[in-house]
N, C-alpha and C. Protein backbone atom coordinates (compact mmCIF):
# COMPACT_ATOMS: atom_id res chain seq x y z
N UNK A 1 30.62 -9.32 -28.35
CA UNK A 1 29.68 -9.03 -27.28
C UNK A 1 30.21 -9.65 -25.99
N UNK A 2 30.15 -8.89 -24.92
CA UNK A 2 30.70 -9.36 -23.65
C UNK A 2 29.94 -10.55 -23.08
N UNK A 3 28.65 -10.63 -23.36
CA UNK A 3 27.87 -11.76 -22.85
C UNK A 3 28.33 -13.06 -23.47
N UNK A 4 28.69 -13.02 -24.75
CA UNK A 4 29.21 -14.24 -25.38
C UNK A 4 30.52 -14.67 -24.75
N UNK A 5 31.36 -13.69 -24.38
CA UNK A 5 32.62 -14.01 -23.70
C UNK A 5 32.33 -14.64 -22.34
N UNK A 6 31.36 -14.08 -21.64
CA UNK A 6 30.99 -14.63 -20.33
C UNK A 6 30.50 -16.07 -20.47
N UNK A 7 29.74 -16.33 -21.52
CA UNK A 7 29.24 -17.70 -21.73
C UNK A 7 30.35 -18.64 -22.16
N UNK A 8 31.38 -18.13 -22.85
CA UNK A 8 32.51 -18.97 -23.22
C UNK A 8 33.28 -19.40 -21.97
N UNK A 9 33.41 -18.47 -21.03
CA UNK A 9 34.12 -18.76 -19.79
C UNK A 9 33.31 -19.71 -18.92
N UNK A 10 32.00 -19.46 -18.79
CA UNK A 10 31.13 -20.29 -17.97
C UNK A 10 29.82 -20.52 -18.71
N UNK A 11 29.73 -21.61 -19.45
CA UNK A 11 28.54 -21.93 -20.25
C UNK A 11 27.31 -22.16 -19.39
N UNK A 12 27.52 -22.30 -18.09
CA UNK A 12 26.44 -22.61 -17.16
C UNK A 12 25.99 -21.36 -16.39
N UNK A 13 26.42 -20.19 -16.82
CA UNK A 13 26.13 -18.95 -16.09
C UNK A 13 24.67 -18.53 -16.27
N UNK A 14 23.91 -18.62 -15.20
CA UNK A 14 22.51 -18.19 -15.24
C UNK A 14 22.40 -16.71 -15.55
N UNK A 15 23.30 -15.91 -14.99
CA UNK A 15 23.24 -14.47 -15.20
C UNK A 15 23.50 -14.12 -16.66
N UNK A 16 24.50 -14.74 -17.28
CA UNK A 16 24.80 -14.45 -18.68
C UNK A 16 23.63 -14.85 -19.57
N UNK A 17 23.05 -16.01 -19.34
CA UNK A 17 21.89 -16.45 -20.13
C UNK A 17 20.71 -15.49 -19.92
N UNK A 18 20.53 -15.04 -18.68
CA UNK A 18 19.44 -14.11 -18.39
C UNK A 18 19.63 -12.81 -19.17
N UNK A 19 20.85 -12.28 -19.18
CA UNK A 19 21.12 -11.03 -19.91
C UNK A 19 20.94 -11.21 -21.42
N UNK A 20 21.34 -12.35 -21.95
CA UNK A 20 21.13 -12.64 -23.37
C UNK A 20 19.63 -12.65 -23.66
N UNK A 21 18.86 -13.26 -22.78
CA UNK A 21 17.41 -13.33 -22.94
C UNK A 21 16.80 -11.92 -22.96
N UNK A 22 17.31 -11.05 -22.10
CA UNK A 22 16.81 -9.67 -22.08
C UNK A 22 17.04 -8.97 -23.42
N UNK A 23 18.21 -9.19 -24.00
CA UNK A 23 18.52 -8.57 -25.30
C UNK A 23 17.56 -9.09 -26.36
N UNK A 24 17.37 -10.40 -26.40
CA UNK A 24 16.43 -10.98 -27.38
C UNK A 24 15.02 -10.43 -27.17
N UNK A 25 14.61 -10.29 -25.90
CA UNK A 25 13.27 -9.77 -25.62
C UNK A 25 13.12 -8.35 -26.17
N UNK A 26 14.12 -7.51 -25.94
CA UNK A 26 14.07 -6.13 -26.43
C UNK A 26 14.04 -6.06 -27.96
N UNK A 27 14.62 -7.08 -28.60
CA UNK A 27 14.61 -7.16 -30.06
C UNK A 27 13.32 -7.81 -30.57
N UNK A 28 12.43 -8.15 -29.65
CA UNK A 28 11.16 -8.82 -29.96
C UNK A 28 11.36 -10.21 -30.59
N UNK A 29 12.49 -10.82 -30.28
CA UNK A 29 12.76 -12.19 -30.70
C UNK A 29 12.36 -13.08 -29.52
N UNK A 30 11.05 -13.30 -29.39
CA UNK A 30 10.49 -13.93 -28.19
C UNK A 30 10.87 -15.40 -28.05
N UNK A 31 10.97 -16.12 -29.15
CA UNK A 31 11.34 -17.53 -29.06
C UNK A 31 12.77 -17.68 -28.54
N UNK A 32 13.70 -16.90 -29.10
CA UNK A 32 15.09 -16.95 -28.63
C UNK A 32 15.19 -16.48 -27.18
N UNK A 33 14.38 -15.47 -26.84
CA UNK A 33 14.37 -14.97 -25.48
C UNK A 33 13.89 -16.05 -24.50
N UNK A 34 12.80 -16.72 -24.85
CA UNK A 34 12.28 -17.79 -23.98
C UNK A 34 13.30 -18.90 -23.82
N UNK A 35 13.97 -19.25 -24.91
CA UNK A 35 15.00 -20.30 -24.83
C UNK A 35 16.13 -19.88 -23.91
N UNK A 36 16.55 -18.62 -23.99
CA UNK A 36 17.63 -18.14 -23.13
C UNK A 36 17.19 -18.08 -21.66
N UNK A 37 15.94 -17.69 -21.41
CA UNK A 37 15.45 -17.71 -20.03
C UNK A 37 15.44 -19.14 -19.49
N UNK A 38 15.07 -20.10 -20.33
CA UNK A 38 15.10 -21.51 -19.89
C UNK A 38 16.52 -21.96 -19.60
N UNK A 39 17.48 -21.50 -20.43
CA UNK A 39 18.89 -21.82 -20.18
C UNK A 39 19.33 -21.22 -18.85
N UNK A 40 18.84 -20.03 -18.55
CA UNK A 40 19.15 -19.40 -17.27
C UNK A 40 18.65 -20.26 -16.11
N UNK A 41 17.43 -20.80 -16.28
CA UNK A 41 16.87 -21.67 -15.24
C UNK A 41 17.67 -22.96 -15.07
N UNK A 42 18.26 -23.42 -16.16
CA UNK A 42 19.04 -24.67 -16.11
C UNK A 42 20.50 -24.43 -15.75
N UNK A 43 20.86 -23.16 -15.54
CA UNK A 43 22.25 -22.82 -15.26
C UNK A 43 22.64 -23.02 -13.80
N UNK A 44 23.67 -22.28 -13.40
CA UNK A 44 24.24 -22.46 -12.06
C UNK A 44 23.40 -21.83 -10.94
N UNK A 45 22.37 -21.05 -11.31
CA UNK A 45 21.48 -20.48 -10.30
C UNK A 45 22.04 -19.27 -9.57
N UNK A 46 23.12 -18.70 -10.09
CA UNK A 46 23.72 -17.53 -9.45
C UNK A 46 23.62 -16.32 -10.36
N UNK A 47 23.23 -15.20 -9.87
CA UNK A 47 22.65 -14.98 -8.55
C UNK A 47 21.25 -15.59 -8.46
N UNK A 48 20.82 -15.81 -7.25
CA UNK A 48 19.56 -16.55 -7.02
C UNK A 48 18.34 -15.89 -7.65
N UNK A 49 18.33 -14.58 -7.77
CA UNK A 49 17.17 -13.88 -8.32
C UNK A 49 16.90 -14.24 -9.77
N UNK A 50 17.91 -14.76 -10.47
CA UNK A 50 17.70 -15.09 -11.89
C UNK A 50 16.63 -16.16 -12.06
N UNK A 51 16.47 -17.04 -11.09
CA UNK A 51 15.45 -18.09 -11.20
C UNK A 51 14.05 -17.48 -11.20
N UNK A 52 13.77 -16.65 -10.22
CA UNK A 52 12.45 -16.04 -10.11
C UNK A 52 12.15 -15.15 -11.31
N UNK A 53 13.11 -14.30 -11.66
CA UNK A 53 12.88 -13.37 -12.76
C UNK A 53 12.80 -14.06 -14.11
N UNK A 54 13.48 -15.18 -14.27
CA UNK A 54 13.36 -15.94 -15.53
C UNK A 54 11.94 -16.47 -15.66
N UNK A 55 11.38 -16.98 -14.57
CA UNK A 55 9.99 -17.45 -14.60
C UNK A 55 9.03 -16.29 -14.92
N UNK A 56 9.25 -15.16 -14.28
CA UNK A 56 8.38 -14.00 -14.52
C UNK A 56 8.47 -13.55 -15.98
N UNK A 57 9.68 -13.51 -16.50
CA UNK A 57 9.86 -13.06 -17.88
C UNK A 57 9.26 -14.06 -18.88
N UNK A 58 9.34 -15.34 -18.58
CA UNK A 58 8.69 -16.33 -19.44
C UNK A 58 7.18 -16.08 -19.47
N UNK A 59 6.60 -15.75 -18.31
CA UNK A 59 5.18 -15.42 -18.26
C UNK A 59 4.88 -14.17 -19.07
N UNK A 60 5.77 -13.21 -19.02
CA UNK A 60 5.60 -11.99 -19.79
C UNK A 60 5.62 -12.29 -21.29
N UNK A 61 6.49 -13.20 -21.71
CA UNK A 61 6.55 -13.59 -23.11
C UNK A 61 5.23 -14.23 -23.52
N UNK A 62 4.67 -15.09 -22.67
CA UNK A 62 3.37 -15.69 -22.97
C UNK A 62 2.31 -14.60 -23.12
N UNK A 63 2.35 -13.59 -22.25
CA UNK A 63 1.39 -12.48 -22.34
C UNK A 63 1.56 -11.70 -23.64
N UNK A 64 2.80 -11.35 -23.97
CA UNK A 64 3.08 -10.54 -25.15
C UNK A 64 2.70 -11.27 -26.44
N UNK A 65 2.97 -12.56 -26.48
CA UNK A 65 2.70 -13.32 -27.70
C UNK A 65 1.26 -13.78 -27.79
N UNK A 66 0.49 -13.58 -26.72
CA UNK A 66 -0.91 -13.98 -26.73
C UNK A 66 -1.10 -15.47 -26.53
N UNK A 67 -0.06 -16.14 -26.10
CA UNK A 67 -0.15 -17.57 -25.86
C UNK A 67 -0.95 -17.81 -24.60
N UNK A 68 -1.91 -18.72 -24.68
CA UNK A 68 -2.74 -19.04 -23.51
C UNK A 68 -2.48 -20.47 -23.07
N UNK A 69 -1.27 -20.94 -23.30
CA UNK A 69 -0.96 -22.32 -22.94
C UNK A 69 -0.20 -22.35 -21.63
N UNK A 70 -0.35 -23.43 -20.92
CA UNK A 70 0.36 -23.63 -19.66
C UNK A 70 0.80 -25.07 -19.61
N UNK A 71 1.95 -25.34 -18.98
CA UNK A 71 2.39 -26.73 -18.92
C UNK A 71 1.46 -27.57 -18.07
N UNK A 72 1.12 -28.73 -18.55
CA UNK A 72 0.29 -29.64 -17.78
C UNK A 72 1.12 -30.19 -16.63
N UNK A 73 0.50 -30.36 -15.48
CA UNK A 73 1.24 -30.80 -14.30
C UNK A 73 1.66 -32.26 -14.38
N UNK A 74 0.99 -33.06 -15.20
CA UNK A 74 1.33 -34.48 -15.18
C UNK A 74 2.02 -34.97 -16.44
N UNK A 75 1.97 -34.23 -17.55
CA UNK A 75 2.57 -34.74 -18.78
C UNK A 75 3.75 -33.92 -19.24
N UNK A 76 3.86 -32.68 -18.79
CA UNK A 76 4.92 -31.82 -19.27
C UNK A 76 4.58 -31.21 -20.63
N UNK A 77 3.45 -31.61 -21.21
CA UNK A 77 3.03 -31.08 -22.49
C UNK A 77 2.19 -29.83 -22.26
N UNK A 78 2.06 -29.04 -23.31
CA UNK A 78 1.25 -27.83 -23.19
C UNK A 78 -0.21 -28.16 -23.38
N UNK A 79 -1.04 -27.55 -22.57
CA UNK A 79 -2.48 -27.74 -22.70
C UNK A 79 -3.16 -26.40 -22.49
N UNK A 80 -4.30 -26.22 -23.08
CA UNK A 80 -5.03 -24.97 -22.97
C UNK A 80 -5.86 -24.99 -21.68
N UNK A 81 -5.69 -23.94 -20.83
CA UNK A 81 -6.49 -23.88 -19.60
C UNK A 81 -7.98 -23.85 -19.93
N UNK A 82 -8.78 -24.37 -19.02
CA UNK A 82 -10.22 -24.43 -19.26
C UNK A 82 -10.94 -23.18 -18.76
N UNK A 83 -10.23 -22.28 -18.11
CA UNK A 83 -10.85 -21.06 -17.61
C UNK A 83 -10.06 -19.85 -18.09
N UNK A 84 -10.69 -18.70 -18.02
CA UNK A 84 -10.01 -17.46 -18.40
C UNK A 84 -9.13 -17.00 -17.25
N UNK A 85 -8.15 -16.11 -17.53
CA UNK A 85 -7.33 -15.60 -16.43
C UNK A 85 -8.16 -14.96 -15.33
N UNK A 86 -9.23 -14.26 -15.69
CA UNK A 86 -10.10 -13.61 -14.71
C UNK A 86 -10.76 -14.67 -13.82
N UNK A 87 -11.24 -15.76 -14.42
CA UNK A 87 -11.89 -16.82 -13.64
C UNK A 87 -10.88 -17.49 -12.71
N UNK A 88 -9.63 -17.69 -13.19
CA UNK A 88 -8.61 -18.30 -12.34
C UNK A 88 -8.32 -17.40 -11.15
N UNK A 89 -8.27 -16.09 -11.39
CA UNK A 89 -8.00 -15.14 -10.32
C UNK A 89 -9.13 -15.15 -9.30
N UNK A 90 -10.36 -15.17 -9.78
CA UNK A 90 -11.53 -15.20 -8.89
C UNK A 90 -11.53 -16.48 -8.07
N UNK A 91 -11.20 -17.60 -8.71
CA UNK A 91 -11.15 -18.87 -8.02
C UNK A 91 -10.08 -18.86 -6.93
N UNK A 92 -8.92 -18.30 -7.25
CA UNK A 92 -7.84 -18.23 -6.27
C UNK A 92 -8.23 -17.33 -5.11
N UNK A 93 -8.89 -16.21 -5.42
CA UNK A 93 -9.35 -15.30 -4.36
C UNK A 93 -10.33 -16.01 -3.43
N UNK A 94 -11.24 -16.78 -3.99
CA UNK A 94 -12.23 -17.49 -3.18
C UNK A 94 -11.54 -18.51 -2.27
N UNK A 95 -10.54 -19.19 -2.80
CA UNK A 95 -9.81 -20.18 -2.00
C UNK A 95 -9.09 -19.50 -0.85
N UNK A 96 -8.50 -18.33 -1.12
CA UNK A 96 -7.77 -17.60 -0.08
C UNK A 96 -8.72 -17.10 1.01
N UNK A 97 -9.94 -16.69 0.62
CA UNK A 97 -10.89 -16.17 1.59
C UNK A 97 -11.50 -17.27 2.45
N UNK A 98 -11.52 -18.50 1.94
CA UNK A 98 -12.12 -19.59 2.67
C UNK A 98 -11.14 -20.77 2.74
N UNK A 99 -10.07 -20.61 3.53
CA UNK A 99 -9.07 -21.67 3.59
C UNK A 99 -9.58 -22.95 4.26
N UNK A 100 -10.71 -22.87 4.95
CA UNK A 100 -11.23 -24.05 5.63
C UNK A 100 -11.78 -25.09 4.67
N UNK A 101 -11.93 -24.70 3.39
CA UNK A 101 -12.45 -25.67 2.42
C UNK A 101 -11.45 -26.78 2.14
N UNK A 102 -10.20 -26.55 2.52
CA UNK A 102 -9.19 -27.60 2.53
C UNK A 102 -8.75 -28.15 1.20
N UNK A 103 -8.23 -29.39 1.26
CA UNK A 103 -7.61 -30.04 0.11
C UNK A 103 -8.58 -30.26 -1.04
N UNK A 104 -9.84 -30.54 -0.73
CA UNK A 104 -10.81 -30.82 -1.79
C UNK A 104 -10.96 -29.61 -2.70
N UNK A 105 -11.08 -28.43 -2.13
CA UNK A 105 -11.23 -27.21 -2.92
C UNK A 105 -9.95 -26.95 -3.73
N UNK A 106 -8.81 -27.17 -3.10
CA UNK A 106 -7.52 -26.98 -3.79
C UNK A 106 -7.42 -27.91 -5.00
N UNK A 107 -7.82 -29.16 -4.81
CA UNK A 107 -7.77 -30.15 -5.88
C UNK A 107 -8.73 -29.77 -7.01
N UNK A 108 -9.94 -29.33 -6.65
CA UNK A 108 -10.91 -28.91 -7.67
C UNK A 108 -10.39 -27.71 -8.45
N UNK A 109 -9.80 -26.75 -7.75
CA UNK A 109 -9.25 -25.56 -8.40
C UNK A 109 -8.12 -25.95 -9.33
N UNK A 110 -7.23 -26.80 -8.87
CA UNK A 110 -6.10 -27.24 -9.69
C UNK A 110 -6.59 -27.94 -10.94
N UNK A 111 -7.60 -28.78 -10.80
CA UNK A 111 -8.15 -29.49 -11.95
C UNK A 111 -8.76 -28.50 -12.94
N UNK A 112 -9.46 -27.50 -12.42
CA UNK A 112 -10.11 -26.51 -13.29
C UNK A 112 -9.07 -25.68 -14.03
N UNK A 113 -8.03 -25.26 -13.34
CA UNK A 113 -7.01 -24.40 -13.93
C UNK A 113 -6.14 -25.17 -14.92
N UNK A 114 -5.64 -26.29 -14.53
CA UNK A 114 -4.62 -26.99 -15.32
C UNK A 114 -5.15 -28.17 -16.10
N UNK A 115 -6.41 -28.44 -16.03
CA UNK A 115 -7.00 -29.59 -16.72
C UNK A 115 -6.32 -30.89 -16.29
N UNK A 116 -6.08 -31.02 -15.00
CA UNK A 116 -5.46 -32.23 -14.47
C UNK A 116 -6.53 -33.28 -14.31
N UNK A 117 -6.29 -34.48 -14.81
CA UNK A 117 -7.30 -35.54 -14.66
C UNK A 117 -7.55 -35.84 -13.20
N UNK A 118 -8.78 -36.23 -12.84
CA UNK A 118 -9.09 -36.57 -11.46
C UNK A 118 -8.18 -37.67 -10.93
N UNK A 119 -7.82 -37.56 -9.67
CA UNK A 119 -6.99 -38.58 -9.03
C UNK A 119 -5.52 -38.25 -9.06
N UNK A 120 -5.12 -37.17 -9.72
CA UNK A 120 -3.70 -36.80 -9.78
C UNK A 120 -3.28 -36.05 -8.56
């Protein structure tokens, strides 16, 4: 496989890891795909679009597998959000419509979405 050759030449190639992840995703091997997308994120960052698309594809894997976990902002561990995706969207919309509510509203929203302890 040419992607393996590319990785032998440059083990840090974000693009090669991204393409490997795509193949795993198409084979419905979601764990291997997620791992390869993470390797892409840890790679050389070239081309630059691989960073954004790796994040998007990781989100897609969470959607496909039905995983409702998100990384906690302060521990790096996975935690279950306290609101549904619809509620998070509504909350974000309200914040965008009323930006004058400032940092307090942002902090409350962040705590609600990510279960961040107060004071973080």
